[in-house]
Amino acid sequence: MPIPRKSRQTPQLSALRRASGLNQTEFWRKIGITQSCGSRYEAGERRLPPPVAYLIDLIYVRGIDITKLHGDDMPILHYLQQHQSELYARLRQNMASARQIIE
């Protein structure tokens, strides 16, 4: 089955990248993706694999610094998101407040 030239995620990816204030190289490097591959995702020439979409969500939507995560943290994070969403939201809000105080 051919991949559609334009996907529904194209405007979302480009808008998210622009909102982050990063160019394509900077944006995609944080995820371990080359600029040329990231450009293809943004243009809808390639489908975004679920693991890449998850990393984008963690880094750019949820604001998680994945360089500070340990392998054992991921199941905990997933569990909190799925089963303790209110606690997870409060923890995220507390961390955002703490970051603002530090900055």
PDB file of N, CA and C in Angstrom:
ATOM      1  N   MET A   1       0.853  -1.185   0.000  1.00  0.00           N
ATOM      2  CA  MET A   1       0.000   0.000   0.000  1.00  0.00           C
ATOM      3  C   MET A   1       0.894   1.242   0.000  1.00  0.00           C
ATOM      4  N   PRO A   2       0.723   2.144  -0.942  1.00  0.00           N
ATOM      5  CA  PRO A   2       1.567   3.342  -1.009  1.00  0.00           C
ATOM      6  C   PRO A   2       1.262   4.308   0.136  1.00  0.00           C
ATOM      7  N   ILE A   3       2.295   5.002   0.574  1.00  0.00           N
ATOM      8  CA  ILE A   3       2.145   6.000   1.631  1.00  0.00           C
ATOM      9  C   ILE A   3       1.612   7.281   1.000  1.00  0.00           C
ATOM     10  N   PRO A   4       0.555   7.868   1.563  1.00  0.00           N
ATOM     11  CA  PRO A   4       0.011   9.099   1.000  1.00  0.00           C
ATOM     12  C   PRO A   4       1.059  10.213   1.015  1.00  0.00           C
ATOM     13  N   ARG A   5       1.029  11.064  -0.002  1.00  0.00           N
ATOM     14  CA  ARG A   5       1.985  12.180  -0.084  1.00  0.00           C
ATOM     15  C   ARG A   5       1.852  13.098   1.118  1.00  0.00           C
ATOM     16  N   LYS A   6       0.650  13.413   1.470  1.00  0.00           N
ATOM     17  CA  LYS A   6       0.401  14.299   2.609  1.00  0.00           C
ATOM     18  C   LYS A   6      -0.384  13.542   3.660  1.00  0.00           C
ATOM     19  N   SER A   7       0.088  13.604   4.883  1.00  0.00           N
ATOM     20  CA  SER A   7      -0.624  12.931   5.962  1.00  0.00           C
ATOM     21  C   SER A   7      -1.313  13.966   6.837  1.00  0.00           C
ATOM     22  N   ARG A   8      -2.206  13.494   7.679  1.00  0.00           N
ATOM     23  CA  ARG A   8      -2.904  14.399   8.586  1.00  0.00           C
ATOM     24  C   ARG A   8      -1.976  14.988   9.635  1.00  0.00           C
ATOM     25  N   GLN A   9      -0.846  14.337   9.927  1.00  0.00           N
ATOM     26  CA  GLN A   9       0.052  14.818  10.965  1.00  0.00           C
ATOM     27  C   GLN A   9       0.989  15.918  10.488  1.00  0.00           C
ATOM     28  N   THR A  10       1.105  16.135   9.190  1.00  0.00           N
ATOM     29  CA  THR A  10       2.052  17.106   8.651  1.00  0.00           C
ATOM     30  C   THR A  10       1.904  18.491   9.272  1.00  0.00           C
ATOM     31  N   PRO A  11       0.720  19.105   9.262  1.00  0.00           N
ATOM     32  CA  PRO A  11       0.621  20.446   9.850  1.00  0.00           C
ATOM     33  C   PRO A  11       0.947  20.440  11.342  1.00  0.00           C
ATOM     34  N   GLN A  12       0.582  19.372  12.029  1.00  0.00           N
ATOM     35  CA  GLN A  12       0.841  19.295  13.468  1.00  0.00           C
ATOM     36  C   GLN A  12       2.336  19.236  13.748  1.00  0.00           C
ATOM     37  N   LEU A  13       3.070  18.432  13.009  1.00  0.00           N
ATOM     38  CA  LEU A  13       4.506  18.326  13.228  1.00  0.00           C
ATOM     39  C   LEU A  13       5.216  19.638  12.941  1.00  0.00           C
ATOM     40  N   SER A  14       4.907  20.228  11.807  1.00  0.00           N
ATOM     41  CA  SER A  14       5.545  21.496  11.444  1.00  0.00           C
ATOM     42  C   SER A  14       5.203  22.585  12.448  1.00  0.00           C
ATOM     43  N   ALA A  15       3.956  22.648  12.852  1.00  0.00           N
ATOM     44  CA  ALA A  15       3.526  23.670  13.820  1.00  0.00           C
ATOM     45  C   ALA A  15       4.192  23.453  15.169  1.00  0.00           C
ATOM     46  N   LEU A  16       4.298  22.201  15.592  1.00  0.00           N
ATOM     47  CA  LEU A  16       4.942  21.889  16.865  1.00  0.00           C
ATOM     48  C   LEU A  16       6.414  22.297  16.826  1.00  0.00           C
ATOM     49  N   ARG A  17       7.070  21.994  15.724  1.00  0.00           N
ATOM     50  CA  ARG A  17       8.482  22.358  15.594  1.00  0.00           C
ATOM     51  C   ARG A  17       8.650  23.874  15.614  1.00  0.00           C
ATOM     52  N   ARG A  18       7.823  24.572  14.851  1.00  0.00           N
ATOM     53  CA  ARG A  18       7.923  26.039  14.828  1.00  0.00           C
ATOM     54  C   ARG A  18       7.617  26.627  16.201  1.00  0.00           C
ATOM     55  N   ALA A  19       6.637  26.077  16.889  1.00  0.00           N
ATOM     56  CA  ALA A  19       6.290  26.571  18.230  1.00  0.00           C
ATOM     57  C   ALA A  19       7.437  26.344  19.222  1.00  0.00           C
ATOM     58  N   SER A  20       8.233  25.310  18.981  1.00  0.00           N
ATOM     59  CA  SER A  20       9.365  25.037  19.868  1.00  0.00           C
ATOM     60  C   SER A  20      10.510  26.011  19.642  1.00  0.00           C
ATOM     61  N   GLY A  21      10.458  26.753  18.523  1.00  0.00           N
ATOM     62  CA  GLY A  21      11.510  27.722  18.215  1.00  0.00           C
ATOM     63  C   GLY A  21      12.780  27.081  17.674  1.00  0.00           C
ATOM     64  N   LEU A  22      12.678  25.826  17.235  1.00  0.00           N
ATOM     65  CA  LEU A  22      13.853  25.114  16.742  1.00  0.00           C
ATOM     66  C   LEU A  22      13.773  24.921  15.236  1.00  0.00           C
ATOM     67  N   ASN A  23      14.941  24.856  14.604  1.00  0.00           N
ATOM     68  CA  ASN A  23      14.943  24.498  13.185  1.00  0.00           C
ATOM     69  C   ASN A  23      14.832  22.980  13.089  1.00  0.00           C
ATOM     70  N   GLN A  24      14.720  22.471  11.877  1.00  0.00           N
ATOM     71  CA  GLN A  24      14.516  21.024  11.722  1.00  0.00           C
ATOM     72  C   GLN A  24      15.660  20.210  12.314  1.00  0.00           C
ATOM     73  N   THR A  25      16.879  20.634  12.093  1.00  0.00           N
ATOM     74  CA  THR A  25      18.026  19.889  12.610  1.00  0.00           C
ATOM     75  C   THR A  25      17.980  19.798  14.123  1.00  0.00           C
ATOM     76  N   GLU A  26      17.742  20.908  14.800  1.00  0.00           N
ATOM     77  CA  GLU A  26      17.698  20.933  16.265  1.00  0.00           C
ATOM     78  C   GLU A  26      16.532  20.102  16.800  1.00  0.00           C
ATOM     79  N   PHE A  27      15.363  20.278  16.183  1.00  0.00           N
ATOM     80  CA  PHE A  27      14.155  19.579  16.630  1.00  0.00           C
ATOM     81  C   PHE A  27      14.330  18.068  16.543  1.00  0.00           C
ATOM     82  N   TRP A  28      14.736  17.585  15.394  1.00  0.00           N
ATOM     83  CA  TRP A  28      14.800  16.142  15.168  1.00  0.00           C
ATOM     84  C   TRP A  28      16.003  15.508  15.845  1.00  0.00           C
ATOM     85  N   ARG A  29      17.087  16.251  16.070  1.00  0.00           N
ATOM     86  CA  ARG A  29      18.274  15.701  16.726  1.00  0.00           C
ATOM     87  C   ARG A  29      17.946  15.214  18.134  1.00  0.00           C
ATOM     88  N   LYS A  30      17.058  15.927  18.843  1.00  0.00           N
ATOM     89  CA  LYS A  30      16.703  15.521  20.210  1.00  0.00           C
ATOM     90  C   LYS A  30      16.059  14.144  20.254  1.00  0.00           C
ATOM     91  N   ILE A  31      15.521  13.714  19.125  1.00  0.00           N
ATOM     92  CA  ILE A  31      14.837  12.423  19.049  1.00  0.00           C
ATOM     93  C   ILE A  31      15.748  11.368  18.415  1.00  0.00           C
ATOM     94  N   GLY A  32      16.885  11.803  17.887  1.00  0.00           N
ATOM     95  CA  GLY A  32      17.791  10.878  17.233  1.00  0.00           C
ATOM     96  C   GLY A  32      17.450  10.637  15.778  1.00  0.00           C
ATOM     97  N   ILE A  33      16.791  11.616  15.167  1.00  0.00           N
ATOM     98  CA  ILE A  33      16.367  11.522  13.768  1.00  0.00           C
ATOM     99  C   ILE A  33      17.155  12.556  12.969  1.00  0.00           C
ATOM    100  N   THR A  34      17.571  12.193  11.761  1.00  0.00           N
ATOM    101  CA  THR A  34      18.276  13.161  10.920  1.00  0.00           C
ATOM    102  C   THR A  34      17.311  14.235  10.427  1.00  0.00           C
ATOM    103  N   GLN A  35      17.854  15.361  10.047  1.00  0.00           N
ATOM    104  CA  GLN A  35      17.028  16.453   9.524  1.00  0.00           C
ATOM    105  C   GLN A  35      16.291  16.002   8.275  1.00  0.00           C
ATOM    106  N   SER A  36      16.970  15.269   7.386  1.00  0.00           N
ATOM    107  CA  SER A  36      16.319  14.866   6.137  1.00  0.00           C
ATOM    108  C   SER A  36      15.154  13.913   6.387  1.00  0.00           C
ATOM    109  N   CYS A  37      15.316  13.005   7.328  1.00  0.00           N
ATOM    110  CA  CYS A  37      14.214  12.090   7.664  1.00  0.00           C
ATOM    111  C   CYS A  37      13.073  12.858   8.329  1.00  0.00           C
ATOM    112  N   GLY A  38      13.411  13.766   9.253  1.00  0.00           N
ATOM    113  CA  GLY A  38      12.394  14.591   9.898  1.00  0.00           C
ATOM    114  C   GLY A  38      11.618  15.426   8.902  1.00  0.00           C
ATOM    115  N   SER A  39      12.332  15.933   7.913  1.00  0.00           N
ATOM    116  CA  SER A  39      11.677  16.717   6.864  1.00  0.00           C
ATOM    117  C   SER A  39      10.654  15.871   6.112  1.00  0.00           C
ATOM    118  N   ARG A  40      10.985  14.612   5.873  1.00  0.00           N
ATOM    119  CA  ARG A  40      10.050  13.708   5.183  1.00  0.00           C
ATOM    120  C   ARG A  40       8.810  13.431   6.037  1.00  0.00           C
ATOM    121  N   TYR A  41       9.002  13.318   7.355  1.00  0.00           N
ATOM    122  CA  TYR A  41       7.847  13.142   8.239  1.00  0.00           C
ATOM    123  C   TYR A  41       6.961  14.381   8.180  1.00  0.00           C
ATOM    124  N   GLU A  42       7.581  15.553   8.260  1.00  0.00           N
ATOM    125  CA  GLU A  42       6.806  16.798   8.237  1.00  0.00           C
ATOM    126  C   GLU A  42       6.069  16.980   6.913  1.00  0.00           C
ATOM    127  N   ALA A  43       6.697  16.565   5.815  1.00  0.00           N
ATOM    128  CA  ALA A  43       6.080  16.717   4.496  1.00  0.00           C
ATOM    129  C   ALA A  43       5.035  15.638   4.212  1.00  0.00           C
ATOM    130  N   GLY A  44       4.952  14.639   5.090  1.00  0.00           N
ATOM    131  CA  GLY A  44       3.989  13.567   4.883  1.00  0.00           C
ATOM    132  C   GLY A  44       4.458  12.525   3.894  1.00  0.00           C
ATOM    133  N   GLU A  45       5.745  12.552   3.562  1.00  0.00           N
ATOM    134  CA  GLU A  45       6.291  11.582   2.620  1.00  0.00           C
ATOM    135  C   GLU A  45       6.579  10.239   3.284  1.00  0.00           C
ATOM    136  N   ARG A  46       6.710  10.257   4.602  1.00  0.00           N
ATOM    137  CA  ARG A  46       6.908   9.028   5.371  1.00  0.00           C
ATOM    138  C   ARG A  46       5.970   9.049   6.556  1.00  0.00           C
ATOM    139  N   ARG A  47       5.489   7.871   6.903  1.00  0.00           N
ATOM    140  CA  ARG A  47       4.638   7.771   8.091  1.00  0.00           C
ATOM    141  C   ARG A  47       5.499   7.858   9.338  1.00  0.00           C
ATOM    142  N   LEU A  48       4.958   8.497  10.346  1.00  0.00           N
ATOM    143  CA  LEU A  48       5.660   8.653  11.611  1.00  0.00           C
ATOM    144  C   LEU A  48       5.497   7.367  12.420  1.00  0.00           C
ATOM    145  N   PRO A  49       6.588   6.643  12.706  1.00  0.00           N
ATOM    146  CA  PRO A  49       6.468   5.409  13.485  1.00  0.00           C
ATOM    147  C   PRO A  49       5.996   5.710  14.910  1.00  0.00           C
ATOM    148  N   PRO A  50       5.224   4.822  15.506  1.00  0.00           N
ATOM    149  CA  PRO A  50       4.732   5.055  16.873  1.00  0.00           C
ATOM    150  C   PRO A  50       5.822   5.390  17.893  1.00  0.00           C
ATOM    151  N   PRO A  51       7.000   4.730  17.879  1.00  0.00           N
ATOM    152  CA  PRO A  51       8.016   5.118  18.869  1.00  0.00           C
ATOM    153  C   PRO A  51       8.497   6.565  18.702  1.00  0.00           C
ATOM    154  N   VAL A  52       8.591   7.029  17.460  1.00  0.00           N
ATOM    155  CA  VAL A  52       9.003   8.410  17.208  1.00  0.00           C
ATOM    156  C   VAL A  52       7.912   9.363  17.674  1.00  0.00           C
ATOM    157  N   ALA A  53       6.661   9.023  17.403  1.00  0.00           N
ATOM    158  CA  ALA A  53       5.542   9.850  17.865  1.00  0.00           C
ATOM    159  C   ALA A  53       5.538   9.939  19.390  1.00  0.00           C
ATOM    160  N   TYR A  54       5.852   8.833  20.058  1.00  0.00           N
ATOM    161  CA  TYR A  54       5.893   8.813  21.522  1.00  0.00           C
ATOM    162  C   TYR A  54       7.009   9.720  22.041  1.00  0.00           C
ATOM    163  N   LEU A  55       8.173   9.669  21.399  1.00  0.00           N
ATOM    164  CA  LEU A  55       9.271  10.543  21.806  1.00  0.00           C
ATOM    165  C   LEU A  55       8.917  12.017  21.605  1.00  0.00           C
ATOM    166  N   ILE A  56       8.261  12.332  20.501  1.00  0.00           N
ATOM    167  CA  ILE A  56       7.837  13.712  20.265  1.00  0.00           C
ATOM    168  C   ILE A  56       6.885  14.161  21.366  1.00  0.00           C
ATOM    169  N   ASP A  57       5.967  13.282  21.730  1.00  0.00           N
ATOM    170  CA  ASP A  57       5.021  13.598  22.806  1.00  0.00           C
ATOM    171  C   ASP A  57       5.756  13.838  24.123  1.00  0.00           C
ATOM    172  N   LEU A  58       6.681  12.948  24.468  1.00  0.00           N
ATOM    173  CA  LEU A  58       7.413  13.095  25.725  1.00  0.00           C
ATOM    174  C   LEU A  58       8.231  14.386  25.761  1.00  0.00           C
ATOM    175  N   ILE A  59       8.973  14.635  24.698  1.00  0.00           N
ATOM    176  CA  ILE A  59       9.914  15.755  24.690  1.00  0.00           C
ATOM    177  C   ILE A  59       9.228  17.095  24.469  1.00  0.00           C
ATOM    178  N   TYR A  60       8.401  17.182  23.426  1.00  0.00           N
ATOM    179  CA  TYR A  60       7.879  18.488  23.012  1.00  0.00           C
ATOM    180  C   TYR A  60       6.486  18.813  23.534  1.00  0.00           C
ATOM    181  N   VAL A  61       5.682  17.813  23.824  1.00  0.00           N
ATOM    182  CA  VAL A  61       4.336  18.080  24.336  1.00  0.00           C
ATOM    183  C   VAL A  61       4.339  18.065  25.863  1.00  0.00           C
ATOM    184  N   ARG A  62       4.952  17.057  26.436  1.00  0.00           N
ATOM    185  CA  ARG A  62       4.969  16.922  27.893  1.00  0.00           C
ATOM    186  C   ARG A  62       6.170  17.591  28.549  1.00  0.00           C
ATOM    187  N   GLY A  63       7.171  17.970  27.755  1.00  0.00           N
ATOM    188  CA  GLY A  63       8.326  18.689  28.275  1.00  0.00           C
ATOM    189  C   GLY A  63       9.264  17.856  29.132  1.00  0.00           C
ATOM    190  N   ILE A  64       9.364  16.573  28.839  1.00  0.00           N
ATOM    191  CA  ILE A  64      10.212  15.681  29.625  1.00  0.00           C
ATOM    192  C   ILE A  64      11.606  15.637  29.006  1.00  0.00           C
ATOM    193  N   ASP A  65      12.622  15.835  29.834  1.00  0.00           N
ATOM    194  CA  ASP A  65      14.010  15.739  29.385  1.00  0.00           C
ATOM    195  C   ASP A  65      14.398  14.268  29.427  1.00  0.00           C
ATOM    196  N   ILE A  66      14.351  13.621  28.277  1.00  0.00           N
ATOM    197  CA  ILE A  66      14.588  12.176  28.245  1.00  0.00           C
ATOM    198  C   ILE A  66      16.039  11.819  28.533  1.00  0.00           C
ATOM    199  N   THR A  67      16.938  12.785  28.481  1.00  0.00           N
ATOM    200  CA  THR A  67      18.334  12.485  28.807  1.00  0.00           C
ATOM    201  C   THR A  67      18.502  12.189  30.285  1.00  0.00           C
ATOM    202  N   LYS A  68      17.518  12.576  31.089  1.00  0.00           N
ATOM    203  CA  LYS A  68      17.600  12.342  32.529  1.00  0.00           C
ATOM    204  C   LYS A  68      16.791  11.123  32.977  1.00  0.00           C
ATOM    205  N   LEU A  69      16.148  10.450  32.031  1.00  0.00           N
ATOM    206  CA  LEU A  69      15.373   9.264  32.363  1.00  0.00           C
ATOM    207  C   LEU A  69      16.275   8.036  32.437  1.00  0.00           C
ATOM    208  N   HIS A  70      15.913   7.130  33.287  1.00  0.00           N
ATOM    209  CA  HIS A  70      16.580   5.837  33.365  1.00  0.00           C
ATOM    210  C   HIS A  70      15.625   4.804  32.780  1.00  0.00           C
ATOM    211  N   GLY A  71      16.166   3.702  32.341  1.00  0.00           N
ATOM    212  CA  GLY A  71      15.332   2.665  31.737  1.00  0.00           C
ATOM    213  C   GLY A  71      14.177   2.226  32.622  1.00  0.00           C
ATOM    214  N   ASP A  72      14.408   2.194  33.934  1.00  0.00           N
ATOM    215  CA  ASP A  72      13.363   1.774  34.862  1.00  0.00           C
ATOM    216  C   ASP A  72      12.259   2.818  35.008  1.00  0.00           C
ATOM    217  N   ASP A  73      12.525   4.052  34.584  1.00  0.00           N
ATOM    218  CA  ASP A  73      11.534   5.127  34.721  1.00  0.00           C
ATOM    219  C   ASP A  73      10.392   5.001  33.721  1.00  0.00           C
ATOM    220  N   MET A  74      10.645   4.445  32.567  1.00  0.00           N
ATOM    221  CA  MET A  74       9.636   4.416  31.509  1.00  0.00           C
ATOM    222  C   MET A  74       8.382   3.624  31.893  1.00  0.00           C
ATOM    223  N   PRO A  75       8.492   2.436  32.470  1.00  0.00           N
ATOM    224  CA  PRO A  75       7.267   1.737  32.877  1.00  0.00           C
ATOM    225  C   PRO A  75       6.490   2.514  33.948  1.00  0.00           C
ATOM    226  N   ILE A  76       7.220   3.181  34.825  1.00  0.00           N
ATOM    227  CA  ILE A  76       6.560   3.980  35.867  1.00  0.00           C
ATOM    228  C   ILE A  76       5.813   5.142  35.234  1.00  0.00           C
ATOM    229  N   LEU A  77       6.460   5.819  34.313  1.00  0.00           N
ATOM    230  CA  LEU A  77       5.832   6.928  33.608  1.00  0.00           C
ATOM    231  C   LEU A  77       4.575   6.469  32.878  1.00  0.00           C
ATOM    232  N   HIS A  78       4.690   5.357  32.179  1.00  0.00           N
ATOM    233  CA  HIS A  78       3.541   4.820  31.442  1.00  0.00           C
ATOM    234  C   HIS A  78       2.402   4.452  32.398  1.00  0.00           C
ATOM    235  N   TYR A  79       2.740   3.818  33.511  1.00  0.00           N
ATOM    236  CA  TYR A  79       1.721   3.442  34.486  1.00  0.00           C
ATOM    237  C   TYR A  79       0.999   4.684  35.023  1.00  0.00           C
ATOM    238  N   LEU A  80       1.751   5.708  35.405  1.00  0.00           N
ATOM    239  CA  LEU A  80       1.130   6.930  35.926  1.00  0.00           C
ATOM    240  C   LEU A  80       0.208   7.571  34.892  1.00  0.00           C
ATOM    241  N   GLN A  81       0.651   7.621  33.653  1.00  0.00           N
ATOM    242  CA  GLN A  81      -0.181   8.208  32.595  1.00  0.00           C
ATOM    243  C   GLN A  81      -1.482   7.439  32.422  1.00  0.00           C
ATOM    244  N   GLN A  82      -1.415   6.128  32.467  1.00  0.00           N
ATOM    245  CA  GLN A  82      -2.583   5.298  32.192  1.00  0.00           C
ATOM    246  C   GLN A  82      -3.508   5.104  33.393  1.00  0.00           C
ATOM    247  N   HIS A  83      -2.939   4.985  34.598  1.00  0.00           N
ATOM    248  CA  HIS A  83      -3.737   4.582  35.747  1.00  0.00           C
ATOM    249  C   HIS A  83      -3.861   5.626  36.852  1.00  0.00           C
ATOM    250  N   GLN A  84      -3.002   6.611  36.831  1.00  0.00           N
ATOM    251  CA  GLN A  84      -3.024   7.656  37.856  1.00  0.00           C
ATOM    252  C   GLN A  84      -2.890   9.020  37.175  1.00  0.00           C
ATOM    253  N   SER A  85      -3.771   9.269  36.223  1.00  0.00           N
ATOM    254  CA  SER A  85      -3.629  10.464  35.390  1.00  0.00           C
ATOM    255  C   SER A  85      -3.707  11.765  36.193  1.00  0.00           C
ATOM    256  N   GLU A  86      -4.525  11.794  37.237  1.00  0.00           N
ATOM    257  CA  GLU A  86      -4.606  13.024  38.040  1.00  0.00           C
ATOM    258  C   GLU A  86      -3.303  13.267  38.796  1.00  0.00           C
ATOM    259  N   LEU A  87      -2.733  12.219  39.367  1.00  0.00           N
ATOM    260  CA  LEU A  87      -1.450  12.335  40.054  1.00  0.00           C
ATOM    261  C   LEU A  87      -0.370  12.750  39.061  1.00  0.00           C
ATOM    262  N   TYR A  88      -0.373  12.137  37.903  1.00  0.00           N
ATOM    263  CA  TYR A  88       0.604  12.467  36.863  1.00  0.00           C
ATOM    264  C   TYR A  88       0.488  13.946  36.479  1.00  0.00           C
ATOM    265  N   ALA A  89      -0.725  14.428  36.296  1.00  0.00           N
ATOM    266  CA  ALA A  89      -0.939  15.841  35.932  1.00  0.00           C
ATOM    267  C   ALA A  89      -0.437  16.772  37.040  1.00  0.00           C
ATOM    268  N   ARG A  90      -0.706  16.415  38.297  1.00  0.00           N
ATOM    269  CA  ARG A  90      -0.219  17.243  39.423  1.00  0.00           C
ATOM    270  C   ARG A  90       1.299  17.259  39.481  1.00  0.00           C
ATOM    271  N   LEU A  91       1.917  16.110  39.281  1.00  0.00           N
ATOM    272  CA  LEU A  91       3.376  16.033  39.293  1.00  0.00           C
ATOM    273  C   LEU A  91       3.975  16.883  38.179  1.00  0.00           C
ATOM    274  N   ARG A  92       3.378  16.805  37.006  1.00  0.00           N
ATOM    275  CA  ARG A  92       3.860  17.626  35.880  1.00  0.00           C
ATOM    276  C   ARG A  92       3.719  19.104  36.187  1.00  0.00           C
ATOM    277  N   GLN A  93       2.597  19.488  36.784  1.00  0.00           N
ATOM    278  CA  GLN A  93       2.366  20.890  37.135  1.00  0.00           C
ATOM    279  C   GLN A  93       3.384  21.344  38.180  1.00  0.00           C
ATOM    280  N   ASN A  94       3.654  20.516  39.168  1.00  0.00           N
ATOM    281  CA  ASN A  94       4.646  20.855  40.185  1.00  0.00           C
ATOM    282  C   ASN A  94       6.035  21.008  39.581  1.00  0.00           C
ATOM    283  N   MET A  95       6.384  20.126  38.657  1.00  0.00           N
ATOM    284  CA  MET A  95       7.689  20.218  38.011  1.00  0.00           C
ATOM    285  C   MET A  95       7.788  21.484  37.159  1.00  0.00           C
ATOM    286  N   ALA A  96       6.726  21.834  36.462  1.00  0.00           N
ATOM    287  CA  ALA A  96       6.739  23.060  35.656  1.00  0.00           C
ATOM    288  C   ALA A  96       6.923  24.279  36.543  1.00  0.00           C
ATOM    289  N   SER A  97       6.257  24.290  37.685  1.00  0.00           N
ATOM    290  CA  SER A  97       6.401  25.405  38.632  1.00  0.00           C
ATOM    291  C   SER A  97       7.819  25.470  39.171  1.00  0.00           C
ATOM    292  N   ALA A  98       8.378  24.319  39.479  1.00  0.00           N
ATOM    293  CA  ALA A  98       9.756  24.277  40.004  1.00  0.00           C
ATOM    294  C   ALA A  98      10.747  24.780  38.954  1.00  0.00           C
ATOM    295  N   ARG A  99      10.530  24.418  37.690  1.00  0.00           N
ATOM    296  CA  ARG A  99      11.425  24.896  36.618  1.00  0.00           C
ATOM    297  C   ARG A  99      11.365  26.406  36.487  1.00  0.00           C
ATOM    298  N   GLN A 100      10.171  26.983  36.617  1.00  0.00           N
ATOM    299  CA  GLN A 100      10.026  28.428  36.502  1.00  0.00           C
ATOM    300  C   GLN A 100      10.751  29.128  37.625  1.00  0.00           C
ATOM    301  N   ILE A 101      10.716  28.573  38.836  1.00  0.00           N
ATOM    302  CA  ILE A 101      11.408  29.168  39.983  1.00  0.00           C
ATOM    303  C   ILE A 101      12.921  29.149  39.759  1.00  0.00           C
ATOM    304  N   ILE A 102      13.416  28.030  39.226  1.00  0.00           N
ATOM    305  CA  ILE A 102      14.852  27.869  38.998  1.00  0.00           C
ATOM    306  C   ILE A 102      15.333  28.819  37.908  1.00  0.00           C
ATOM    307  N   GLU A 103      14.551  28.969  36.871  1.00  0.00           N
ATOM    308  CA  GLU A 103      14.937  29.834  35.750  1.00  0.00           C
ATOM    309  C   GLU A 103      14.787  31.265  36.176  1.00  0.00           C
TER     310      GLU A 103
END
